[in-house]
Amino acid sequence: MTTELRPMPNKSLSEWIEGVGRDYEQSRMKAGDSQEVAAEKARTSTETSFPDGTPAAGQLVYDVVAVTPGVSNEVIGYLWITQIEDGGDAWWVSDIKIDENRRGQGHGRAAMQLAETAAAEHGAVTLGLNVFGYNTVARGLYESLGYETTAVQMRKQLSVQ
């Protein structure tokens, strides 16, 4: 079995955009944002990246596909990479998700390696990403692939008296 990236078909894109926006909002709240702030960040991100429901320039969205030669091609997740600024050589993993029942089988690692190739083919010299502090499994994967920590955000919840 191998893992491939295939451009997400237009017929799947609008539903995916809605879902990724909801997931982003939930992740922001889990990381400590209020519902209002999380919703605004998700809305702004969606409007900037997908005006009129289609990817803006520098936005690449792929299905992650598990391929068993001669047997099946199964979509098991998605990958979204973004050019940081128009014409720039820095790219970003905006989001990646592998179906829960397919995790731990090497598909996430393979998809990240394919993301590096796809970004390089589009002129990238660097590929960065953000991972929420609570996602220790993903942090371990990225570190094992050679990603280095470039910044750490910290927060302390204060009790108001």
Protein backbone atom coordinates (compact mmCIF):
# COMPACT_ATOMS: atom_id res chain seq x y z
CA MET A 1 0.00 0.00 0.00
CA THR A 2 1.23 3.48 -0.84
CA THR A 3 0.05 7.00 -0.11
CA GLU A 4 -0.60 9.59 -2.82
CA LEU A 5 -1.76 13.19 -3.00
CA ARG A 6 -4.41 13.98 -5.58
CA PRO A 7 -5.91 17.42 -6.19
CA MET A 8 -9.25 17.57 -4.39
CA PRO A 9 -12.07 17.53 -6.94
CA ASN A 10 -14.25 20.64 -7.16
CA LYS A 11 -17.34 18.60 -6.23
CA SER A 12 -15.80 17.89 -2.80
CA LEU A 13 -14.29 21.31 -2.18
CA SER A 14 -17.25 23.31 -0.81
CA GLU A 15 -18.13 20.69 1.80
CA TRP A 16 -14.45 20.42 2.74
CA ILE A 17 -14.13 24.21 3.12
CA GLU A 18 -17.07 24.28 5.54
CA GLY A 19 -15.71 21.35 7.53
CA VAL A 20 -12.16 22.66 7.78
CA GLY A 21 -13.52 26.02 8.95
CA ARG A 22 -15.52 24.34 11.73
CA ASP A 23 -12.50 22.23 12.72
CA TYR A 24 -10.26 25.30 12.84
CA GLU A 25 -12.75 27.15 15.00
CA GLN A 26 -12.93 24.19 17.42
CA SER A 27 -9.13 23.92 17.58
CA ARG A 28 -8.84 27.64 18.34
CA MET A 29 -11.32 27.27 21.21
CA LYS A 30 -9.51 24.17 22.51
CA ALA A 31 -6.30 26.23 22.45
CA GLY A 32 -7.98 28.94 24.55
CA ASP A 33 -9.71 31.40 22.21
CA SER A 34 -13.24 32.50 23.01
CA GLN A 35 -15.97 31.26 20.68
CA GLU A 36 -16.29 34.75 19.17
CA VAL A 37 -12.55 35.13 18.50
CA ALA A 38 -12.27 31.57 17.13
CA ALA A 39 -15.25 32.09 14.81
CA GLU A 40 -13.82 35.37 13.49
CA LYS A 41 -10.40 33.81 12.83
CA ALA A 42 -12.01 30.89 11.00
CA ARG A 43 -14.21 33.20 8.92
CA THR A 44 -11.30 35.46 7.97
CA SER A 45 -9.11 32.51 7.06
CA THR A 46 -11.81 30.99 4.86
CA GLU A 47 -12.61 34.26 3.08
CA THR A 48 -8.94 34.98 2.39
CA SER A 49 -7.99 31.48 1.27
CA PHE A 50 -11.16 30.53 -0.61
CA PRO A 51 -12.87 33.63 -2.00
CA ASP A 52 -16.06 32.63 -3.80
CA GLY A 53 -15.54 29.05 -2.59
CA THR A 54 -12.49 28.37 -4.75
CA PRO A 55 -8.82 28.26 -3.78
CA ALA A 56 -7.01 31.58 -4.12
CA ALA A 57 -3.64 31.65 -5.86
CA GLY A 58 -1.06 29.77 -3.79
CA GLN A 59 -3.64 27.50 -2.10
CA LEU A 60 -3.27 23.79 -2.90
CA VAL A 61 -5.76 21.28 -1.51
CA TYR A 62 -5.23 17.55 -1.92
CA ASP A 63 -7.00 14.35 -1.04
CA VAL A 64 -4.68 11.94 0.76
CA VAL A 65 -5.26 8.59 -0.92
CA ALA A 66 -4.28 5.11 0.27
CA VAL A 67 -3.50 3.09 -2.85
CA THR A 68 -3.52 -0.68 -2.87
CA PRO A 69 -2.38 -1.59 -6.42
CA GLY A 70 -4.98 -3.59 -8.29
CA VAL A 71 -7.39 -3.40 -5.37
CA SER A 72 -8.49 0.08 -4.32
CA ASN A 73 -7.88 3.81 -4.02
CA GLU A 74 -9.34 5.12 -0.78
CA VAL A 75 -9.47 8.79 0.24
CA ILE A 76 -8.28 8.76 3.85
CA GLY A 77 -7.69 12.43 4.56
CA TYR A 78 -6.64 15.77 3.16
CA LEU A 79 -3.68 18.12 2.95
CA TRP A 80 -3.79 21.88 2.40
CA ILE A 81 -0.60 23.82 1.69
CA THR A 82 -0.29 27.57 1.17
CA GLN A 83 2.22 29.92 -0.36
CA ILE A 84 2.92 32.46 2.39
CA GLU A 85 3.07 35.49 0.10
CA ASP A 86 2.42 35.88 -3.59
CA GLY A 87 5.51 34.75 -5.49
CA GLY A 88 7.42 33.91 -2.31
CA ASP A 89 9.45 30.77 -1.68
CA ALA A 90 8.09 30.08 1.82
CA TRP A 91 5.13 27.70 2.02
CA TRP A 92 2.99 26.54 4.93
CA VAL A 93 1.05 23.41 5.83
CA SER A 94 -2.28 25.04 6.56
CA ASP A 95 -3.94 21.77 7.55
CA ILE A 96 -3.53 18.04 7.33
CA LYS A 97 -5.86 15.36 8.58
CA ILE A 98 -5.79 11.59 8.31
CA ASP A 99 -8.93 9.61 9.17
CA GLU A 100 -8.72 8.27 12.73
CA ASN A 101 -9.02 4.63 11.67
CA ARG A 102 -6.04 5.08 9.29
CA ARG A 103 -3.67 6.81 11.73
CA GLY A 104 -0.55 5.03 12.86
CA GLN A 105 -0.11 3.35 9.46
CA GLY A 106 2.44 5.78 8.02
CA HIS A 107 0.01 7.80 5.91
CA GLY A 108 0.57 11.05 7.81
CA ARG A 109 4.33 10.73 7.46
CA ALA A 110 4.01 9.93 3.74
CA ALA A 111 1.59 12.82 3.18
CA MET A 112 4.00 15.25 4.85
CA GLN A 113 6.85 14.02 2.67
CA LEU A 114 4.65 14.41 -0.40
CA ALA A 115 3.73 17.92 0.81
CA GLU A 116 7.42 18.81 0.81
CA THR A 117 7.71 17.61 -2.78
CA ALA A 118 4.55 19.43 -3.91
CA ALA A 119 5.67 22.68 -2.26
CA ALA A 120 9.16 22.40 -3.80
CA GLU A 121 7.60 21.82 -7.23
CA HIS A 122 5.79 25.14 -6.76
CA GLY A 123 8.99 27.00 -5.85
CA ALA A 124 9.13 26.51 -2.09
CA VAL A 125 12.47 26.68 -0.33
CA THR A 126 10.92 26.22 3.12
CA LEU A 127 7.80 24.52 4.43
CA GLY A 128 6.51 25.53 7.83
CA LEU A 129 3.56 24.61 9.98
CA ASN A 130 1.80 25.34 13.22
CA VAL A 131 0.85 22.63 15.66
CA PHE A 132 -1.23 23.26 18.74
CA GLY A 133 0.60 22.49 21.97
CA TYR A 134 -1.93 19.85 23.00
CA ASN A 135 -1.28 17.78 19.84
CA THR A 136 1.71 15.81 21.08
CA VAL A 137 1.38 13.00 18.51
CA ALA A 138 1.62 15.45 15.60
CA ARG A 139 4.49 17.31 17.26
CA GLY A 140 6.41 14.05 17.53
CA LEU A 141 5.79 13.25 13.86
CA TYR A 142 6.93 16.68 12.67
CA GLU A 143 10.06 16.59 14.82
CA SER A 144 10.92 13.13 13.47
CA LEU A 145 10.61 14.56 9.94
CA GLY A 146 13.16 17.29 10.75
CA TYR A 147 10.86 20.23 11.50
CA GLU A 148 12.37 22.57 14.07
CA THR A 149 10.57 24.70 16.63
CA THR A 150 10.86 28.34 15.58
CA ALA A 151 8.54 29.93 18.15
CA VAL A 152 6.62 28.97 21.26
CA GLN A 153 3.50 30.76 22.44
CA MET A 154 2.60 30.46 26.08
CA ARG A 155 -0.42 31.52 28.08
CA LYS A 156 -1.53 31.36 31.68
CA GLN A 157 -5.17 31.43 32.70
CA LEU A 158 -5.68 34.05 35.42
CA SER A 159 -8.34 33.87 38.06
CA VAL A 160 -10.16 37.16 38.40
CA GLN A 161 -10.99 38.13 41.94
